[in-house]
C-alpha atoms as a PDB file:
ATOM      1  CA  MET A   1      50.742   4.696 -73.168  1.00  0.00           C
ATOM      2  CA  LYS A   2      49.207   1.299 -72.819  1.00  0.00           C
ATOM      3  CA  LYS A   3      52.337  -0.183 -71.229  1.00  0.00           C
ATOM      4  CA  LEU A   4      52.264   2.753 -68.658  1.00  0.00           C
ATOM      5  CA  ALA A   5      48.658   2.340 -67.774  1.00  0.00           C
ATOM      6  CA  LEU A   6      49.221  -1.437 -67.312  1.00  0.00           C
ATOM      7  CA  ILE A   7      52.314  -0.573 -65.040  1.00  0.00           C
ATOM      8  CA  ILE A   8      50.372   1.996 -62.813  1.00  0.00           C
ATOM      9  CA  GLY A   9      47.532  -0.263 -62.836  1.00  0.00           C
ATOM     10  CA  ILE A  10      49.466  -3.089 -61.432  1.00  0.00           C
ATOM     11  CA  ILE A  11      51.303  -0.978 -58.884  1.00  0.00           C
ATOM     12  CA  SER A  12      48.211   0.692 -57.635  1.00  0.00           C
ATOM     13  CA  SER A  13      46.314  -2.631 -57.523  1.00  0.00           C
ATOM     14  CA  LEU A  14      48.886  -4.170 -55.279  1.00  0.00           C
ATOM     15  CA  LEU A  15      49.176  -1.167 -52.961  1.00  0.00           C
ATOM     16  CA  GLY A  16      45.430  -0.933 -52.692  1.00  0.00           C
ATOM     17  CA  PHE A  17      45.047  -4.877 -51.808  1.00  0.00           C
ATOM     18  CA  VAL A  18      47.621  -4.886 -49.356  1.00  0.00           C
ATOM     19  CA  GLN A  19      45.750  -1.917 -47.660  1.00  0.00           C
ATOM     20  CA  VAL A  20      42.570  -3.296 -47.685  1.00  0.00           C
ATOM     21  CA  ILE A  21      43.401  -6.559 -46.289  1.00  0.00           C
ATOM     22  CA  ARG A  22      45.568  -4.906 -43.527  1.00  0.00           C
ATOM     23  CA  TYR A  23      42.375  -3.294 -42.032  1.00  0.00           C
ATOM     24  CA  LEU A  24      39.343  -5.030 -43.566  1.00  0.00           C
ATOM     25  CA  PHE A  25      38.813  -7.449 -40.519  1.00  0.00           C
ATOM     26  CA  ASP A  26      38.987  -4.876 -38.001  1.00  0.00           C
ATOM     27  CA  TYR A  27      36.449  -2.682 -39.785  1.00  0.00           C
ATOM     28  CA  ASN A  28      33.855  -2.537 -36.984  1.00  0.00           C
ATOM     29  CA  VAL A  29      36.181  -1.208 -34.373  1.00  0.00           C
ATOM     30  CA  LEU A  30      37.947   1.619 -36.823  1.00  0.00           C
ATOM     31  CA  THR A  31      37.239   5.106 -36.352  1.00  0.00           C
ATOM     32  CA  PRO A  32      35.377   7.250 -39.301  1.00  0.00           C
ATOM     33  CA  TYR A  33      38.938   8.370 -40.385  1.00  0.00           C
ATOM     34  CA  GLY A  34      40.026   4.582 -40.406  1.00  0.00           C
ATOM     35  CA  LYS A  35      36.708   3.465 -42.399  1.00  0.00           C
ATOM     36  CA  GLY A  36      37.722   6.512 -44.868  1.00  0.00           C
ATOM     37  CA  TYR A  37      41.053   4.811 -45.441  1.00  0.00           C
ATOM     38  CA  VAL A  38      39.540   1.619 -46.042  1.00  0.00           C
ATOM     39  CA  TRP A  39      37.138   2.970 -48.729  1.00  0.00           C
ATOM     40  CA  GLY A  40      39.983   5.158 -50.134  1.00  0.00           C
ATOM     41  CA  SER A  41      42.221   1.788 -50.503  1.00  0.00           C
ATOM     42  CA  ILE A  42      39.206   0.108 -52.120  1.00  0.00           C
ATOM     43  CA  SER A  43      38.878   2.783 -54.764  1.00  0.00           C
ATOM     44  CA  LEU A  44      42.487   2.692 -55.247  1.00  0.00           C
ATOM     45  CA  LEU A  45      42.202  -1.018 -55.845  1.00  0.00           C
ATOM     46  CA  LEU A  46      39.299  -0.422 -58.303  1.00  0.00           C
ATOM     47  CA  ILE A  47      41.208   2.356 -60.239  1.00  0.00           C
ATOM     48  CA  GLY A  48      44.170  -0.211 -60.671  1.00  0.00           C
ATOM     49  CA  ILE A  49      41.958  -2.779 -61.941  1.00  0.00           C
ATOM     50  CA  LEU A  50      40.386  -0.303 -64.413  1.00  0.00           C
ATOM     51  CA  LEU A  51      43.945   0.599 -65.491  1.00  0.00           C
ATOM     52  CA  ILE A  52      44.808  -2.904 -66.003  1.00  0.00           C
ATOM     53  CA  TYR A  53      41.907  -3.603 -68.263  1.00  0.00           C
ATOM     54  CA  LEU A  54      42.573  -0.581 -70.357  1.00  0.00           C
ATOM     55  CA  GLY A  55      46.071  -1.783 -70.786  1.00  0.00           C
ATOM     56  CA  LEU A  56      45.483  -5.024 -71.720  1.00  0.00           C
ATOM     57  CA  LYS A  57      42.465  -4.050 -74.086  1.00  0.00           C
ATOM     58  CA  LYS A  58      43.191  -4.906 -77.718  1.00  0.00           C
ATOM     59  CA  ARG A  59      42.137  -2.669 -80.352  1.00  0.00           C
ATOM     60  CA  LYS A  60      39.836  -4.011 -83.029  1.00  0.00           C
ATOM     61  CA  THR A  61      41.261  -3.484 -86.538  1.00  0.00           C
ATOM     62  CA  MET A  62      39.002  -3.493 -89.629  1.00  0.00           C
END
């Protein structure tokens, strides 16, 4: 399960990063739909980072 979360996290982070970089510099001229697309890409990036963190987190053993 951890490996699956790690793989999905890496893929979604890369996709989110590429999509954000493409439109971030033109944010002021975007329509509301385009701004929503940028915010959706940012949320995809954050979810991917969270999945990477969960995939790399080690369990404490007692």
